[in-house]
């Protein structure tokens, strides 16, 4: 990312955006996310 940390994800097959960014924050989640994503996976274990 621009700050020099490797927190951006690229070349995600099927992702309709250029990148997937993780942004560092100091606080933990307190409620269920209102936005989430689905994946296809045959190996949940």
ModelCIF file with pLDDT and N, C-alpha, C, O atoms, coordinates in Angstrom:
data_MODEL
#
_entry.id   MODEL 
#
_entity.id                         1 
_entity.type                       polymer 
_entity.pdbx_number_of_molecules   1 
#
_entity_poly.entity_id                      1 
_entity_poly.type                           'polypeptide(L)' 
_entity_poly.nstd_linkage                   no 
_entity_poly.nstd_monomer                   no 
_entity_poly.pdbx_seq_one_letter_code       
;(UNK)(UNK)(UNK)(UNK)(UNK)(UNK)(UNK)(UNK)(UNK)(UNK)(UNK)(UNK)(UNK)(UNK)(UNK)(UNK)
(UNK)(UNK)(UNK)(UNK)(UNK)(UNK)(UNK)(UNK)(UNK)(UNK)(UNK)(UNK)(UNK)(UNK)(UNK)(UNK)
(UNK)(UNK)(UNK)(UNK)(UNK)(UNK)(UNK)(UNK)(UNK)(UNK)(UNK)(UNK)(UNK)
;
_entity_poly.pdbx_seq_one_letter_code_can   XXXXXXXXXXXXXXXXXXXXXXXXXXXXXXXXXXXXXXXXXXXXX 
_entity_poly.pdbx_strand_id                 A 
#
loop_
_entity_poly_seq.entity_id 
_entity_poly_seq.num 
_entity_poly_seq.mon_id 
_entity_poly_seq.hetero 
1 1  UNK n 
1 2  UNK n 
1 3  UNK n 
1 4  UNK n 
1 5  UNK n 
1 6  UNK n 
1 7  UNK n 
1 8  UNK n 
1 9  UNK n 
1 10 UNK n 
1 11 UNK n 
1 12 UNK n 
1 13 UNK n 
1 14 UNK n 
1 15 UNK n 
1 16 UNK n 
1 17 UNK n 
1 18 UNK n 
1 19 UNK n 
1 20 UNK n 
1 21 UNK n 
1 22 UNK n 
1 23 UNK n 
1 24 UNK n 
1 25 UNK n 
1 26 UNK n 
1 27 UNK n 
1 28 UNK n 
1 29 UNK n 
1 30 UNK n 
1 31 UNK n 
1 32 UNK n 
1 33 UNK n 
1 34 UNK n 
1 35 UNK n 
1 36 UNK n 
1 37 UNK n 
1 38 UNK n 
1 39 UNK n 
1 40 UNK n 
1 41 UNK n 
1 42 UNK n 
1 43 UNK n 
1 44 UNK n 
1 45 UNK n 
#
_struct_asym.id          A 
_struct_asym.entity_id   1 
#
loop_
_ma_qa_metric.id 
_ma_qa_metric.mode 
_ma_qa_metric.name 
_ma_qa_metric.software_group_id 
_ma_qa_metric.type 
1 global pLDDT . pLDDT 
2 local  pLDDT . pLDDT 
#
_ma_qa_metric_global.metric_id      1 
_ma_qa_metric_global.metric_value   95.56 
_ma_qa_metric_global.model_id       1 
_ma_qa_metric_global.ordinal_id     1 
#
loop_
_ma_qa_metric_local.label_asym_id 
_ma_qa_metric_local.label_comp_id 
_ma_qa_metric_local.label_seq_id 
_ma_qa_metric_local.metric_id 
_ma_qa_metric_local.metric_value 
_ma_qa_metric_local.model_id 
_ma_qa_metric_local.ordinal_id 
A UNK 1  2 95.00 1 1  
A UNK 2  2 92.00 1 2  
A UNK 3  2 93.00 1 3  
A UNK 4  2 95.00 1 4  
A UNK 5  2 97.00 1 5  
A UNK 6  2 98.00 1 6  
A UNK 7  2 98.00 1 7  
A UNK 8  2 98.00 1 8  
A UNK 9  2 98.00 1 9  
A UNK 10 2 98.00 1 10 
A UNK 11 2 97.00 1 11 
A UNK 12 2 97.00 1 12 
A UNK 13 2 96.00 1 13 
A UNK 14 2 97.00 1 14 
A UNK 15 2 98.00 1 15 
A UNK 16 2 97.00 1 16 
A UNK 17 2 98.00 1 17 
A UNK 18 2 97.00 1 18 
A UNK 19 2 98.00 1 19 
A UNK 20 2 98.00 1 20 
A UNK 21 2 98.00 1 21 
A UNK 22 2 98.00 1 22 
A UNK 23 2 97.00 1 23 
A UNK 24 2 96.00 1 24 
A UNK 25 2 95.00 1 25 
A UNK 26 2 91.00 1 26 
A UNK 27 2 87.00 1 27 
A UNK 28 2 83.00 1 28 
A UNK 29 2 83.00 1 29 
A UNK 30 2 85.00 1 30 
A UNK 31 2 90.00 1 31 
A UNK 32 2 93.00 1 32 
A UNK 33 2 96.00 1 33 
A UNK 34 2 97.00 1 34 
A UNK 35 2 98.00 1 35 
A UNK 36 2 98.00 1 36 
A UNK 37 2 98.00 1 37 
A UNK 38 2 98.00 1 38 
A UNK 39 2 98.00 1 39 
A UNK 40 2 98.00 1 40 
A UNK 41 2 98.00 1 41 
A UNK 42 2 97.00 1 42 
A UNK 43 2 97.00 1 43 
A UNK 44 2 98.00 1 44 
A UNK 45 2 98.00 1 45 
#
loop_
_atom_site.group_PDB 
_atom_site.id 
_atom_site.type_symbol 
_atom_site.label_atom_id 
_atom_site.label_alt_id 
_atom_site.label_comp_id 
_atom_site.label_asym_id 
_atom_site.label_entity_id 
_atom_site.label_seq_id 
_atom_site.pdbx_PDB_ins_code 
_atom_site.Cartn_x 
_atom_site.Cartn_y 
_atom_site.Cartn_z 
_atom_site.occupancy 
_atom_site.B_iso_or_equiv 
_atom_site.pdbx_formal_charge 
_atom_site.auth_seq_id 
_atom_site.auth_comp_id 
_atom_site.auth_asym_id 
_atom_site.auth_atom_id 
_atom_site.pdbx_PDB_model_num 
ATOM 1   N N  . UNK A 1 1  ? 0.856   -1.180  0.000   1.00 95.00 ? 1  UNK A N  1 
ATOM 2   C CA . UNK A 1 1  ? 0.000   0.000   0.000   1.00 95.00 ? 1  UNK A CA 1 
ATOM 3   C C  . UNK A 1 1  ? 0.898   1.237   0.000   1.00 95.00 ? 1  UNK A C  1 
ATOM 4   O O  . UNK A 1 1  ? 2.111   1.107   0.159   1.00 95.00 ? 1  UNK A O  1 
ATOM 5   N N  . UNK A 1 2  ? 0.332   2.429   -0.174  1.00 92.00 ? 2  UNK A N  1 
ATOM 6   C CA . UNK A 1 2  ? 1.167   3.637   -0.180  1.00 92.00 ? 2  UNK A CA 1 
ATOM 7   C C  . UNK A 1 2  ? 2.008   3.832   1.077   1.00 92.00 ? 2  UNK A C  1 
ATOM 8   O O  . UNK A 1 2  ? 3.033   4.513   1.028   1.00 92.00 ? 2  UNK A O  1 
ATOM 9   N N  . UNK A 1 3  ? 1.592   3.245   2.210   1.00 93.00 ? 3  UNK A N  1 
ATOM 10  C CA . UNK A 1 3  ? 2.375   3.399   3.441   1.00 93.00 ? 3  UNK A CA 1 
ATOM 11  C C  . UNK A 1 3  ? 3.514   2.380   3.546   1.00 93.00 ? 3  UNK A C  1 
ATOM 12  O O  . UNK A 1 3  ? 4.239   2.356   4.541   1.00 93.00 ? 3  UNK A O  1 
ATOM 13  N N  . UNK A 1 4  ? 3.671   1.536   2.514   1.00 95.00 ? 4  UNK A N  1 
ATOM 14  C CA . UNK A 1 4  ? 4.775   0.579   2.493   1.00 95.00 ? 4  UNK A CA 1 
ATOM 15  C C  . UNK A 1 4  ? 4.463   -0.779  3.077   1.00 95.00 ? 4  UNK A C  1 
ATOM 16  O O  . UNK A 1 4  ? 5.295   -1.682  2.991   1.00 95.00 ? 4  UNK A O  1 
ATOM 17  N N  . UNK A 1 5  ? 3.285   -0.962  3.674   1.00 97.00 ? 5  UNK A N  1 
ATOM 18  C CA . UNK A 1 5  ? 2.908   -2.252  4.240   1.00 97.00 ? 5  UNK A CA 1 
ATOM 19  C C  . UNK A 1 5  ? 2.194   -3.090  3.181   1.00 97.00 ? 5  UNK A C  1 
ATOM 20  O O  . UNK A 1 5  ? 1.489   -2.552  2.327   1.00 97.00 ? 5  UNK A O  1 
ATOM 21  N N  . UNK A 1 6  ? 2.378   -4.397  3.242   1.00 98.00 ? 6  UNK A N  1 
ATOM 22  C CA . UNK A 1 6  ? 1.781   -5.291  2.246   1.00 98.00 ? 6  UNK A CA 1 
ATOM 23  C C  . UNK A 1 6  ? 0.374   -5.701  2.718   1.00 98.00 ? 6  UNK A C  1 
ATOM 24  O O  . UNK A 1 6  ? 0.147   -6.820  3.178   1.00 98.00 ? 6  UNK A O  1 
ATOM 25  N N  . UNK A 1 7  ? -0.541  -4.762  2.585   1.00 98.00 ? 7  UNK A N  1 
ATOM 26  C CA . UNK A 1 7  ? -1.910  -4.984  3.053   1.00 98.00 ? 7  UNK A CA 1 
ATOM 27  C C  . UNK A 1 7  ? -2.947  -4.851  1.937   1.00 98.00 ? 7  UNK A C  1 
ATOM 28  O O  . UNK A 1 7  ? -4.149  -4.834  2.205   1.00 98.00 ? 7  UNK A O  1 
ATOM 29  N N  . UNK A 1 8  ? -2.486  -4.756  0.687   1.00 98.00 ? 8  UNK A N  1 
ATOM 30  C CA . UNK A 1 8  ? -3.380  -4.762  -0.461  1.00 98.00 ? 8  UNK A CA 1 
ATOM 31  C C  . UNK A 1 8  ? -3.296  -6.129  -1.133  1.00 98.00 ? 8  UNK A C  1 
ATOM 32  O O  . UNK A 1 8  ? -2.222  -6.725  -1.212  1.00 98.00 ? 8  UNK A O  1 
ATOM 33  N N  . UNK A 1 9  ? -4.430  -6.617  -1.613  1.00 98.00 ? 9  UNK A N  1 
ATOM 34  C CA . UNK A 1 9  ? -4.482  -7.903  -2.316  1.00 98.00 ? 9  UNK A CA 1 
ATOM 35  C C  . UNK A 1 9  ? -4.828  -7.638  -3.779  1.00 98.00 ? 9  UNK A C  1 
ATOM 36  O O  . UNK A 1 9  ? -5.795  -6.935  -4.076  1.00 98.00 ? 9  UNK A O  1 
ATOM 37  N N  . UNK A 1 10 ? -4.043  -8.196  -4.683  1.00 98.00 ? 10 UNK A N  1 
ATOM 38  C CA . UNK A 1 10 ? -4.285  -8.035  -6.116  1.00 98.00 ? 10 UNK A CA 1 
ATOM 39  C C  . UNK A 1 10 ? -4.396  -9.394  -6.782  1.00 98.00 ? 10 UNK A C  1 
ATOM 40  O O  . UNK A 1 10 ? -4.087  -10.430 -6.192  1.00 98.00 ? 10 UNK A O  1 
ATOM 41  N N  . UNK A 1 11 ? -4.844  -9.360  -8.022  1.00 97.00 ? 11 UNK A N  1 
ATOM 42  C CA . UNK A 1 11 ? -4.977  -10.571 -8.842  1.00 97.00 ? 11 UNK A CA 1 
ATOM 43  C C  . UNK A 1 11 ? -5.906  -11.588 -8.186  1.00 97.00 ? 11 UNK A C  1 
ATOM 44  O O  . UNK A 1 11 ? -5.629  -12.787 -8.180  1.00 97.00 ? 11 UNK A O  1 
ATOM 45  N N  . UNK A 1 12 ? -7.011  -11.092 -7.635  1.00 97.00 ? 12 UNK A N  1 
ATOM 46  C CA . UNK A 1 12 ? -8.031  -11.973 -7.058  1.00 97.00 ? 12 UNK A CA 1 
ATOM 47  C C  . UNK A 1 12 ? -8.965  -12.396 -8.188  1.00 97.00 ? 12 UNK A C  1 
ATOM 48  O O  . UNK A 1 12 ? -9.700  -11.552 -8.700  1.00 97.00 ? 12 UNK A O  1 
ATOM 49  N N  . UNK A 1 13 ? -8.971  -13.665 -8.599  1.00 96.00 ? 13 UNK A N  1 
ATOM 50  C CA . UNK A 1 13 ? -9.825  -14.091 -9.703  1.00 96.00 ? 13 UNK A CA 1 
ATOM 51  C C  . UNK A 1 13 ? -11.304 -13.784 -9.426  1.00 96.00 ? 13 UNK A C  1 
ATOM 52  O O  . UNK A 1 13 ? -11.843 -14.180 -8.393  1.00 96.00 ? 13 UNK A O  1 
ATOM 53  N N  . UNK A 1 14 ? -11.941 -13.087 -10.346 1.00 97.00 ? 14 UNK A N  1 
ATOM 54  C CA . UNK A 1 14 ? -13.363 -12.795 -10.234 1.00 97.00 ? 14 UNK A CA 1 
ATOM 55  C C  . UNK A 1 14 ? -13.708 -11.540 -9.473  1.00 97.00 ? 14 UNK A C  1 
ATOM 56  O O  . UNK A 1 14 ? -14.840 -11.066 -9.571  1.00 97.00 ? 14 UNK A O  1 
ATOM 57  N N  . UNK A 1 15 ? -12.774 -10.975 -8.709  1.00 98.00 ? 15 UNK A N  1 
ATOM 58  C CA . UNK A 1 15 ? -13.068 -9.766  -7.945  1.00 98.00 ? 15 UNK A CA 1 
ATOM 59  C C  . UNK A 1 15 ? -13.368 -8.621  -8.908  1.00 98.00 ? 15 UNK A C  1 
ATOM 60  O O  . UNK A 1 15 ? -12.561 -8.342  -9.795  1.00 98.00 ? 15 UNK A O  1 
ATOM 61  N N  . UNK A 1 16 ? -14.515 -7.949  -8.750  1.00 97.00 ? 16 UNK A N  1 
ATOM 62  C CA . UNK A 1 16 ? -14.882 -6.900  -9.712  1.00 97.00 ? 16 UNK A CA 1 
ATOM 63  C C  . UNK A 1 16 ? -14.259 -5.543  -9.410  1.00 97.00 ? 16 UNK A C  1 
ATOM 64  O O  . UNK A 1 16 ? -14.714 -4.527  -9.935  1.00 97.00 ? 16 UNK A O  1 
ATOM 65  N N  . UNK A 1 17 ? -13.236 -5.510  -8.581  1.00 98.00 ? 17 UNK A N  1 
ATOM 66  C CA . UNK A 1 17 ? -12.540 -4.277  -8.245  1.00 98.00 ? 17 UNK A CA 1 
ATOM 67  C C  . UNK A 1 17 ? -11.049 -4.471  -8.492  1.00 98.00 ? 17 UNK A C  1 
ATOM 68  O O  . UNK A 1 17 ? -10.574 -5.602  -8.588  1.00 98.00 ? 17 UNK A O  1 
ATOM 69  N N  . UNK A 1 18 ? -10.310 -3.365  -8.594  1.00 97.00 ? 18 UNK A N  1 
ATOM 70  C CA . UNK A 1 18 ? -8.882  -3.469  -8.915  1.00 97.00 ? 18 UNK A CA 1 
ATOM 71  C C  . UNK A 1 18 ? -8.110  -4.159  -7.801  1.00 97.00 ? 18 UNK A C  1 
ATOM 72  O O  . UNK A 1 18 ? -7.255  -5.003  -8.069  1.00 97.00 ? 18 UNK A O  1 
ATOM 73  N N  . UNK A 1 19 ? -8.404  -3.811  -6.563  1.00 98.00 ? 19 UNK A N  1 
ATOM 74  C CA . UNK A 1 19 ? -7.674  -4.382  -5.430  1.00 98.00 ? 19 UNK A CA 1 
ATOM 75  C C  . UNK A 1 19 ? -8.636  -4.621  -4.276  1.00 98.00 ? 19 UNK A C  1 
ATOM 76  O O  . UNK A 1 19 ? -9.767  -4.133  -4.271  1.00 98.00 ? 19 UNK A O  1 
ATOM 77  N N  . UNK A 1 20 ? -8.161  -5.381  -3.305  1.00 98.00 ? 20 UNK A N  1 
ATOM 78  C CA . UNK A 1 20 ? -8.853  -5.591  -2.042  1.00 98.00 ? 20 UNK A CA 1 
ATOM 79  C C  . UNK A 1 20 ? -7.937  -5.003  -0.974  1.00 98.00 ? 20 UNK A C  1 
ATOM 80  O O  . UNK A 1 20 ? -6.843  -5.517  -0.736  1.00 98.00 ? 20 UNK A O  1 
ATOM 81  N N  . UNK A 1 21 ? -8.380  -3.931  -0.335  1.00 98.00 ? 21 UNK A N  1 
ATOM 82  C CA . UNK A 1 21 ? -7.546  -3.227  0.637   1.00 98.00 ? 21 UNK A CA 1 
ATOM 83  C C  . UNK A 1 21 ? -7.915  -3.625  2.061   1.00 98.00 ? 21 UNK A C  1 
ATOM 84  O O  . UNK A 1 21 ? -9.095  -3.689  2.405   1.00 98.00 ? 21 UNK A O  1 
ATOM 85  N N  . UNK A 1 22 ? -6.917  -3.891  2.880   1.00 98.00 ? 22 UNK A N  1 
ATOM 86  C CA . UNK A 1 22 ? -7.094  -3.998  4.315   1.00 98.00 ? 22 UNK A CA 1 
ATOM 87  C C  . UNK A 1 22 ? -6.536  -2.720  4.940   1.00 98.00 ? 22 UNK A C  1 
ATOM 88  O O  . UNK A 1 22 ? -5.398  -2.335  4.671   1.00 98.00 ? 22 UNK A O  1 
ATOM 89  N N  . UNK A 1 23 ? -7.334  -2.075  5.763   1.00 97.00 ? 23 UNK A N  1 
ATOM 90  C CA . UNK A 1 23 ? -6.939  -0.813  6.381   1.00 97.00 ? 23 UNK A CA 1 
ATOM 91  C C  . UNK A 1 23 ? -6.788  -1.021  7.881   1.00 97.00 ? 23 UNK A C  1 
ATOM 92  O O  . UNK A 1 23 ? -7.708  -1.504  8.542   1.00 97.00 ? 23 UNK A O  1 
ATOM 93  N N  . UNK A 1 24 ? -5.627  -0.656  8.418   1.00 96.00 ? 24 UNK A N  1 
ATOM 94  C CA . UNK A 1 24 ? -5.362  -0.857  9.843   1.00 96.00 ? 24 UNK A CA 1 
ATOM 95  C C  . UNK A 1 24 ? -6.177  0.116   10.692  1.00 96.00 ? 24 UNK A C  1 
ATOM 96  O O  . UNK A 1 24 ? -6.162  1.324   10.456  1.00 96.00 ? 24 UNK A O  1 
ATOM 97  N N  . UNK A 1 25 ? -6.883  -0.421  11.676  1.00 95.00 ? 25 UNK A N  1 
ATOM 98  C CA . UNK A 1 25 ? -7.641  0.375   12.645  1.00 95.00 ? 25 UNK A CA 1 
ATOM 99  C C  . UNK A 1 25 ? -7.337  -0.162  14.041  1.00 95.00 ? 25 UNK A C  1 
ATOM 100 O O  . UNK A 1 25 ? -6.991  -1.335  14.180  1.00 95.00 ? 25 UNK A O  1 
ATOM 101 N N  . UNK A 1 26 ? -7.457  0.669   15.078  1.00 91.00 ? 26 UNK A N  1 
ATOM 102 C CA . UNK A 1 26 ? -7.105  0.208   16.425  1.00 91.00 ? 26 UNK A CA 1 
ATOM 103 C C  . UNK A 1 26 ? -8.214  -0.524  17.150  1.00 91.00 ? 26 UNK A C  1 
ATOM 104 O O  . UNK A 1 26 ? -7.962  -1.189  18.155  1.00 91.00 ? 26 UNK A O  1 
ATOM 105 N N  . UNK A 1 27 ? -9.447  -0.414  16.655  1.00 87.00 ? 27 UNK A N  1 
ATOM 106 C CA . UNK A 1 27 ? -10.593 -0.946  17.398  1.00 87.00 ? 27 UNK A CA 1 
ATOM 107 C C  . UNK A 1 27 ? -11.099 -2.247  16.802  1.00 87.00 ? 27 UNK A C  1 
ATOM 108 O O  . UNK A 1 27 ? -11.092 -2.432  15.585  1.00 87.00 ? 27 UNK A O  1 
ATOM 109 N N  . UNK A 1 28 ? -11.542 -3.155  17.683  1.00 83.00 ? 28 UNK A N  1 
ATOM 110 C CA . UNK A 1 28 ? -12.149 -4.407  17.246  1.00 83.00 ? 28 UNK A CA 1 
ATOM 111 C C  . UNK A 1 28 ? -13.594 -4.181  16.811  1.00 83.00 ? 28 UNK A C  1 
ATOM 112 O O  . UNK A 1 28 ? -14.204 -3.157  17.120  1.00 83.00 ? 28 UNK A O  1 
ATOM 113 N N  . UNK A 1 29 ? -14.115 -5.148  16.098  1.00 83.00 ? 29 UNK A N  1 
ATOM 114 C CA . UNK A 1 29 ? -15.523 -5.101  15.702  1.00 83.00 ? 29 UNK A CA 1 
ATOM 115 C C  . UNK A 1 29 ? -16.415 -5.184  16.930  1.00 83.00 ? 29 UNK A C  1 
ATOM 116 O O  . UNK A 1 29 ? -16.079 -5.838  17.917  1.00 83.00 ? 29 UNK A O  1 
ATOM 117 N N  . UNK A 1 30 ? -17.563 -4.506  16.854  1.00 85.00 ? 30 UNK A N  1 
ATOM 118 C CA . UNK A 1 30 ? -18.525 -4.562  17.957  1.00 85.00 ? 30 UNK A CA 1 
ATOM 119 C C  . UNK A 1 30 ? -19.872 -5.139  17.528  1.00 85.00 ? 30 UNK A C  1 
ATOM 120 O O  . UNK A 1 30 ? -20.629 -5.624  18.370  1.00 85.00 ? 30 UNK A O  1 
ATOM 121 N N  . UNK A 1 31 ? -20.183 -5.094  16.234  1.00 90.00 ? 31 UNK A N  1 
ATOM 122 C CA . UNK A 1 31 ? -21.439 -5.631  15.730  1.00 90.00 ? 31 UNK A CA 1 
ATOM 123 C C  . UNK A 1 31 ? -21.165 -6.390  14.442  1.00 90.00 ? 31 UNK A C  1 
ATOM 124 O O  . UNK A 1 31 ? -20.091 -6.276  13.851  1.00 90.00 ? 31 UNK A O  1 
ATOM 125 N N  . UNK A 1 32 ? -22.139 -7.156  14.024  1.00 93.00 ? 32 UNK A N  1 
ATOM 126 C CA . UNK A 1 32 ? -22.040 -7.897  12.761  1.00 93.00 ? 32 UNK A CA 1 
ATOM 127 C C  . UNK A 1 32 ? -21.860 -6.930  11.596  1.00 93.00 ? 32 UNK A C  1 
ATOM 128 O O  . UNK A 1 32 ? -22.515 -5.889  11.543  1.00 93.00 ? 32 UNK A O  1 
ATOM 129 N N  . UNK A 1 33 ? -20.973 -7.272  10.662  1.00 96.00 ? 33 UNK A N  1 
ATOM 130 C CA . UNK A 1 33 ? -20.793 -6.438  9.474   1.00 96.00 ? 33 UNK A CA 1 
ATOM 131 C C  . UNK A 1 33 ? -22.077 -6.396  8.644   1.00 96.00 ? 33 UNK A C  1 
ATOM 132 O O  . UNK A 1 33 ? -22.725 -7.425  8.452   1.00 96.00 ? 33 UNK A O  1 
ATOM 133 N N  . UNK A 1 34 ? -22.442 -5.220  8.155   1.00 97.00 ? 34 UNK A N  1 
ATOM 134 C CA . UNK A 1 34 ? -23.594 -5.118  7.262   1.00 97.00 ? 34 UNK A CA 1 
ATOM 135 C C  . UNK A 1 34 ? -23.223 -5.460  5.817   1.00 97.00 ? 34 UNK A C  1 
ATOM 136 O O  . UNK A 1 34 ? -24.101 -5.741  5.003   1.00 97.00 ? 34 UNK A O  1 
ATOM 137 N N  . UNK A 1 35 ? -21.944 -5.438  5.501   1.00 98.00 ? 35 UNK A N  1 
ATOM 138 C CA . UNK A 1 35 ? -21.467 -5.879  4.191   1.00 98.00 ? 35 UNK A CA 1 
ATOM 139 C C  . UNK A 1 35 ? -20.576 -7.103  4.408   1.00 98.00 ? 35 UNK A C  1 
ATOM 140 O O  . UNK A 1 35 ? -19.722 -7.106  5.295   1.00 98.00 ? 35 UNK A O  1 
ATOM 141 N N  . UNK A 1 36 ? -20.777 -8.128  3.604   1.00 98.00 ? 36 UNK A N  1 
ATOM 142 C CA . UNK A 1 36 ? -19.893 -9.286  3.658   1.00 98.00 ? 36 UNK A CA 1 
ATOM 143 C C  . UNK A 1 36 ? -19.758 -9.856  2.254   1.00 98.00 ? 36 UNK A C  1 
ATOM 144 O O  . UNK A 1 36 ? -20.407 -9.377  1.324   1.00 98.00 ? 36 UNK A O  1 
ATOM 145 N N  . UNK A 1 37 ? -18.934 -10.856 2.096   1.00 98.00 ? 37 UNK A N  1 
ATOM 146 C CA . UNK A 1 37 ? -18.705 -11.456 0.793   1.00 98.00 ? 37 UNK A CA 1 
ATOM 147 C C  . UNK A 1 37 ? -18.925 -12.953 0.869   1.00 98.00 ? 37 UNK A C  1 
ATOM 148 O O  . UNK A 1 37 ? -18.848 -13.559 1.938   1.00 98.00 ? 37 UNK A O  1 
ATOM 149 N N  . UNK A 1 38 ? -19.200 -13.537 -0.289  1.00 98.00 ? 38 UNK A N  1 
ATOM 150 C CA . UNK A 1 38 ? -19.379 -14.982 -0.430  1.00 98.00 ? 38 UNK A CA 1 
ATOM 151 C C  . UNK A 1 38 ? -18.230 -15.546 -1.249  1.00 98.00 ? 38 UNK A C  1 
ATOM 152 O O  . UNK A 1 38 ? -17.692 -14.878 -2.132  1.00 98.00 ? 38 UNK A O  1 
ATOM 153 N N  . UNK A 1 39 ? -17.864 -16.783 -0.946  1.00 98.00 ? 39 UNK A N  1 
ATOM 154 C CA . UNK A 1 39 ? -16.856 -17.484 -1.724  1.00 98.00 ? 39 UNK A CA 1 
ATOM 155 C C  . UNK A 1 39 ? -17.405 -18.853 -2.112  1.00 98.00 ? 39 UNK A C  1 
ATOM 156 O O  . UNK A 1 39 ? -18.372 -19.342 -1.528  1.00 98.00 ? 39 UNK A O  1 
ATOM 157 N N  . UNK A 1 40 ? -16.777 -19.450 -3.095  1.00 98.00 ? 40 UNK A N  1 
ATOM 158 C CA . UNK A 1 40 ? -17.050 -20.840 -3.460  1.00 98.00 ? 40 UNK A CA 1 
ATOM 159 C C  . UNK A 1 40 ? -15.932 -21.684 -2.881  1.00 98.00 ? 40 UNK A C  1 
ATOM 160 O O  . UNK A 1 40 ? -14.755 -21.426 -3.137  1.00 98.00 ? 40 UNK A O  1 
ATOM 161 N N  . UNK A 1 41 ? -16.295 -22.689 -2.102  1.00 98.00 ? 41 UNK A N  1 
ATOM 162 C CA . UNK A 1 41 ? -15.278 -23.519 -1.447  1.00 98.00 ? 41 UNK A CA 1 
ATOM 163 C C  . UNK A 1 41 ? -15.861 -24.892 -1.149  1.00 98.00 ? 41 UNK A C  1 
ATOM 164 O O  . UNK A 1 41 ? -16.941 -25.005 -0.570  1.00 98.00 ? 41 UNK A O  1 
ATOM 165 N N  . UNK A 1 42 ? -15.138 -25.937 -1.548  1.00 97.00 ? 42 UNK A N  1 
ATOM 166 C CA . UNK A 1 42 ? -15.549 -27.302 -1.259  1.00 97.00 ? 42 UNK A CA 1 
ATOM 167 C C  . UNK A 1 42 ? -14.757 -27.906 -0.092  1.00 97.00 ? 42 UNK A C  1 
ATOM 168 O O  . UNK A 1 42 ? -14.871 -29.099 0.186   1.00 97.00 ? 42 UNK A O  1 
ATOM 169 N N  . UNK A 1 43 ? -13.966 -27.090 0.578   1.00 97.00 ? 43 UNK A N  1 
ATOM 170 C CA . UNK A 1 43 ? -13.136 -27.592 1.677   1.00 97.00 ? 43 UNK A CA 1 
ATOM 171 C C  . UNK A 1 43 ? -13.249 -26.649 2.876   1.00 97.00 ? 43 UNK A C  1 
ATOM 172 O O  . UNK A 1 43 ? -12.293 -25.954 3.220   1.00 97.00 ? 43 UNK A O  1 
ATOM 173 N N  . UNK A 1 44 ? -14.412 -26.633 3.501   1.00 98.00 ? 44 UNK A N  1 
ATOM 174 C CA . UNK A 1 44 ? -14.597 -25.801 4.684   1.00 98.00 ? 44 UNK A CA 1 
ATOM 175 C C  . UNK A 1 44 ? -13.642 -26.215 5.813   1.00 98.00 ? 44 UNK A C  1 
ATOM 176 O O  . UNK A 1 44 ? -13.107 -25.340 6.493   1.00 98.00 ? 44 UNK A O  1 
ATOM 177 N N  . UNK A 1 45 ? -13.409 -27.521 6.038   1.00 98.00 ? 45 UNK A N  1 
ATOM 178 C CA . UNK A 1 45 ? -12.415 -27.891 7.053   1.00 98.00 ? 45 UNK A CA 1 
ATOM 179 C C  . UNK A 1 45 ? -11.043 -27.279 6.784   1.00 98.00 ? 45 UNK A C  1 
ATOM 180 O O  . UNK A 1 45 ? -10.107 -27.500 7.552   1.00 98.00 ? 45 UNK A O  1 
#
